[in-house]
Amino acid sequence: QVQLVESGGGLVQPGGSLRLSCAASGSIFSINVMGWYRQAPGKQRELVASIISGGSTNYADSVKGRFTISRDNAKNTAYLQMNSLKPEDTAVYYCNADIKTKATTESDEEYYYGRHYWGKGTLVTVSS
């Protein structure tokens, strides 16, 4: 019922820039946190950056000053602007969102439930 779709990955030279997008769609009542994670070959998935609905952000030390996360609440979309890219930024980048959905029971009672969703990822390769 809820989908996250990432886009914007690709091949870029060291020092270059890319902008990733993550669009959420489906049965969405509200979105609290949206975040970007990445997983390099042979490594664990790690948090890159996150942003809450009010706009407060959090970054991994390795990307501070180079990456900027933002979101458009009206479009249910998060962005990751990546500048000064390094070969060590090469990874599959995944979007994650904490989404609340409104549903109804068979007796037409409304209720809400929340869960985290993941996108399928977009590959970023930084190489000359």
C-alpha atoms as a PDB file:
ATOM      1  CA  GLN A   1       0.000   0.000   0.000  1.00  0.00           C
ATOM      2  CA  VAL A   2       2.954   2.303   0.550  1.00  0.00           C
ATOM      3  CA  GLN A   3       5.888   2.552  -1.811  1.00  0.00           C
ATOM      4  CA  LEU A   4       9.179   4.422  -1.672  1.00  0.00           C
ATOM      5  CA  VAL A   5      10.909   4.993  -4.978  1.00  0.00           C
ATOM      6  CA  GLU A   6      14.442   6.354  -5.162  1.00  0.00           C
ATOM      7  CA  SER A   7      15.965   8.012  -8.219  1.00  0.00           C
ATOM      8  CA  GLY A   8      18.990  10.053  -9.179  1.00  0.00           C
ATOM      9  CA  GLY A   9      21.832   7.601  -8.745  1.00  0.00           C
ATOM     10  CA  GLY A  10      24.545   7.092 -11.304  1.00  0.00           C
ATOM     11  CA  LEU A  11      28.225   7.347 -12.100  1.00  0.00           C
ATOM     12  CA  VAL A  12      30.042  10.519 -11.152  1.00  0.00           C
ATOM     13  CA  GLN A  13      33.685  11.559 -10.962  1.00  0.00           C
ATOM     14  CA  PRO A  14      35.338  12.385  -7.641  1.00  0.00           C
ATOM     15  CA  GLY A  15      34.469  15.914  -6.624  1.00  0.00           C
ATOM     16  CA  GLY A  16      31.205  15.801  -8.524  1.00  0.00           C
ATOM     17  CA  SER A  17      27.612  16.103  -7.358  1.00  0.00           C
ATOM     18  CA  LEU A  18      24.417  14.092  -7.481  1.00  0.00           C
ATOM     19  CA  ARG A  19      20.908  14.681  -6.186  1.00  0.00           C
ATOM     20  CA  LEU A  20      18.866  11.728  -5.011  1.00  0.00           C
ATOM     21  CA  SER A  21      15.086  11.777  -4.671  1.00  0.00           C
ATOM     22  CA  CYS A  22      12.786   9.535  -2.661  1.00  0.00           C
ATOM     23  CA  ALA A  23       9.074   9.709  -3.409  1.00  0.00           C
ATOM     24  CA  ALA A  24       6.560   8.067  -1.088  1.00  0.00           C
ATOM     25  CA  SER A  25       3.153   7.083  -2.419  1.00  0.00           C
ATOM     26  CA  GLY A  26       0.111   5.101  -1.355  1.00  0.00           C
ATOM     27  CA  SER A  27      -1.986   5.163   1.791  1.00  0.00           C
ATOM     28  CA  ILE A  28      -0.136   7.903   3.667  1.00  0.00           C
ATOM     29  CA  PHE A  29      -1.626   9.879   6.525  1.00  0.00           C
ATOM     30  CA  SER A  30       1.639  11.433   7.682  1.00  0.00           C
ATOM     31  CA  ILE A  31       5.375  10.929   7.492  1.00  0.00           C
ATOM     32  CA  ASN A  32       7.555  11.505  10.526  1.00  0.00           C
ATOM     33  CA  VAL A  33      11.175  10.723   9.777  1.00  0.00           C
ATOM     34  CA  MET A  34      12.646  10.269   6.321  1.00  0.00           C
ATOM     35  CA  GLY A  35      16.188   9.072   6.004  1.00  0.00           C
ATOM     36  CA  TRP A  36      18.880   7.993   3.598  1.00  0.00           C
ATOM     37  CA  TYR A  37      21.014   4.951   4.282  1.00  0.00           C
ATOM     38  CA  ARG A  38      23.774   3.419   2.217  1.00  0.00           C
ATOM     39  CA  GLN A  39      25.415   0.051   1.904  1.00  0.00           C
ATOM     40  CA  ALA A  40      28.776  -0.436   0.279  1.00  0.00           C
ATOM     41  CA  PRO A  41      29.933  -3.877  -0.915  1.00  0.00           C
ATOM     42  CA  GLY A  42      30.948  -6.011   2.043  1.00  0.00           C
ATOM     43  CA  LYS A  43      29.801  -3.452   4.586  1.00  0.00           C
ATOM     44  CA  GLN A  44      26.771  -2.983   6.796  1.00  0.00           C
ATOM     45  CA  ARG A  45      24.032  -0.542   5.932  1.00  0.00           C
ATOM     46  CA  GLU A  46      24.639   2.796   7.617  1.00  0.00           C
ATOM     47  CA  LEU A  47      22.649   5.954   8.208  1.00  0.00           C
ATOM     48  CA  VAL A  48      23.715   8.836   5.995  1.00  0.00           C
ATOM     49  CA  ALA A  49      21.198  11.526   6.913  1.00  0.00           C
ATOM     50  CA  SER A  50      17.700  11.919   8.302  1.00  0.00           C
ATOM     51  CA  ILE A  51      15.089  14.645   8.548  1.00  0.00           C
ATOM     52  CA  ILE A  52      11.943  14.905  10.627  1.00  0.00           C
ATOM     53  CA  SER A  53       8.710  16.509   9.520  1.00  0.00           C
ATOM     54  CA  GLY A  54       9.588  19.776  11.261  1.00  0.00           C
ATOM     55  CA  GLY A  55      12.846  20.030   9.348  1.00  0.00           C
ATOM     56  CA  SER A  56      15.498  19.066  11.918  1.00  0.00           C
ATOM     57  CA  THR A  57      18.297  17.089  10.341  1.00  0.00           C
ATOM     58  CA  ASN A  58      20.961  14.612  11.371  1.00  0.00           C
ATOM     59  CA  TYR A  59      24.082  13.567   9.433  1.00  0.00           C
ATOM     60  CA  ALA A  60      26.758  10.954   9.639  1.00  0.00           C
ATOM     61  CA  ASP A  61      30.129  12.511  10.424  1.00  0.00           C
ATOM     62  CA  SER A  62      31.523  11.236   7.134  1.00  0.00           C
ATOM     63  CA  VAL A  63      29.123  13.367   5.075  1.00  0.00           C
ATOM     64  CA  LYS A  64      28.741  16.510   7.188  1.00  0.00           C
ATOM     65  CA  GLY A  65      29.419  19.618   5.145  1.00  0.00           C
ATOM     66  CA  ARG A  66      29.093  17.727   1.850  1.00  0.00           C
ATOM     67  CA  PHE A  67      25.578  16.270   1.852  1.00  0.00           C
ATOM     68  CA  THR A  68      22.297  18.057   2.485  1.00  0.00           C
ATOM     69  CA  ILE A  69      18.994  16.345   3.172  1.00  0.00           C
ATOM     70  CA  SER A  70      15.705  18.117   2.558  1.00  0.00           C
ATOM     71  CA  ARG A  71      12.062  17.247   2.078  1.00  0.00           C
ATOM     72  CA  ASP A  72       8.909  18.516   0.455  1.00  0.00           C
ATOM     73  CA  ASN A  73       6.078  17.498   2.771  1.00  0.00           C
ATOM     74  CA  ALA A  74       3.418  18.382   0.220  1.00  0.00           C
ATOM     75  CA  LYS A  75       4.968  15.936  -2.239  1.00  0.00           C
ATOM     76  CA  ASN A  76       5.950  13.294   0.344  1.00  0.00           C
ATOM     77  CA  THR A  77       9.436  13.459  -1.121  1.00  0.00           C
ATOM     78  CA  ALA A  78      12.902  13.607   0.395  1.00  0.00           C
ATOM     79  CA  TYR A  79      16.079  14.681  -1.334  1.00  0.00           C
ATOM     80  CA  LEU A  80      19.764  14.141  -0.751  1.00  0.00           C
ATOM     81  CA  GLN A  81      22.094  16.655  -2.370  1.00  0.00           C
ATOM     82  CA  MET A  82      25.557  15.143  -2.474  1.00  0.00           C
ATOM     83  CA  ASN A  83      28.520  17.396  -3.254  1.00  0.00           C
ATOM     84  CA  SER A  84      32.276  16.838  -3.243  1.00  0.00           C
ATOM     85  CA  LEU A  85      31.715  13.141  -3.749  1.00  0.00           C
ATOM     86  CA  LYS A  86      34.502  10.728  -2.895  1.00  0.00           C
ATOM     87  CA  PRO A  87      35.149   7.156  -4.045  1.00  0.00           C
ATOM     88  CA  GLU A  88      34.263   5.986  -0.542  1.00  0.00           C
ATOM     89  CA  ASP A  89      30.736   7.335  -1.061  1.00  0.00           C
ATOM     90  CA  THR A  90      30.166   4.556  -3.581  1.00  0.00           C
ATOM     91  CA  ALA A  91      27.236   2.464  -2.364  1.00  0.00           C
ATOM     92  CA  VAL A  92      23.617   1.598  -2.889  1.00  0.00           C
ATOM     93  CA  TYR A  93      21.587   4.378  -1.301  1.00  0.00           C
ATOM     94  CA  TYR A  94      18.283   3.442   0.309  1.00  0.00           C
ATOM     95  CA  CYS A  95      15.430   5.629   1.417  1.00  0.00           C
ATOM     96  CA  ASN A  96      13.619   4.873   4.665  1.00  0.00           C
ATOM     97  CA  ALA A  97      10.466   6.521   5.977  1.00  0.00           C
ATOM     98  CA  ASP A  98       8.400   6.266   9.146  1.00  0.00           C
ATOM     99  CA  ILE A  99       4.856   6.460   7.774  1.00  0.00           C
ATOM    100  CA  LYS A 100       1.502   6.570   9.524  1.00  0.00           C
ATOM    101  CA  THR A 101      -1.483   5.120   7.682  1.00  0.00           C
ATOM    102  CA  LYS A 102      -5.185   5.527   8.425  1.00  0.00           C
ATOM    103  CA  ALA A 103      -7.344   2.448   8.065  1.00  0.00           C
ATOM    104  CA  THR A 104     -10.856   1.326   8.969  1.00  0.00           C
ATOM    105  CA  THR A 105     -12.129  -1.844  10.599  1.00  0.00           C
ATOM    106  CA  GLU A 106     -15.022  -3.941   9.290  1.00  0.00           C
ATOM    107  CA  SER A 107     -17.256  -1.950  11.635  1.00  0.00           C
ATOM    108  CA  ASP A 108     -16.019   1.309  10.072  1.00  0.00           C
ATOM    109  CA  GLU A 109     -13.921   2.335  13.043  1.00  0.00           C
ATOM    110  CA  GLU A 110     -10.900   4.390  12.085  1.00  0.00           C
ATOM    111  CA  TYR A 111      -7.473   3.577  13.426  1.00  0.00           C
ATOM    112  CA  TYR A 112      -3.906   4.490  12.674  1.00  0.00           C
ATOM    113  CA  TYR A 113      -0.789   2.407  12.444  1.00  0.00           C
ATOM    114  CA  GLY A 114       2.777   3.243  11.682  1.00  0.00           C
ATOM    115  CA  ARG A 115       5.724   1.370  10.298  1.00  0.00           C
ATOM    116  CA  HIS A 116       9.027   1.903   8.531  1.00  0.00           C
ATOM    117  CA  TYR A 117       9.278   1.395   4.795  1.00  0.00           C
ATOM    118  CA  TRP A 118      12.312   0.909   2.590  1.00  0.00           C
ATOM    119  CA  GLY A 119      12.900   1.699  -1.037  1.00  0.00           C
ATOM    120  CA  LYS A 120      14.727  -0.686  -3.343  1.00  0.00           C
ATOM    121  CA  GLY A 121      17.794   1.514  -3.537  1.00  0.00           C
ATOM    122  CA  THR A 122      19.717   3.463  -6.141  1.00  0.00           C
ATOM    123  CA  LEU A 123      23.373   2.881  -6.968  1.00  0.00           C
ATOM    124  CA  VAL A 124      25.869   5.718  -6.641  1.00  0.00           C
ATOM    125  CA  THR A 125      29.318   5.090  -8.091  1.00  0.00           C
ATOM    126  CA  VAL A 126      32.098   7.619  -7.608  1.00  0.00           C
ATOM    127  CA  SER A 127      34.995   6.825  -9.879  1.00  0.00           C
ATOM    128  CA  SER A 128      37.299   8.415 -12.407  1.00  0.00           C
END
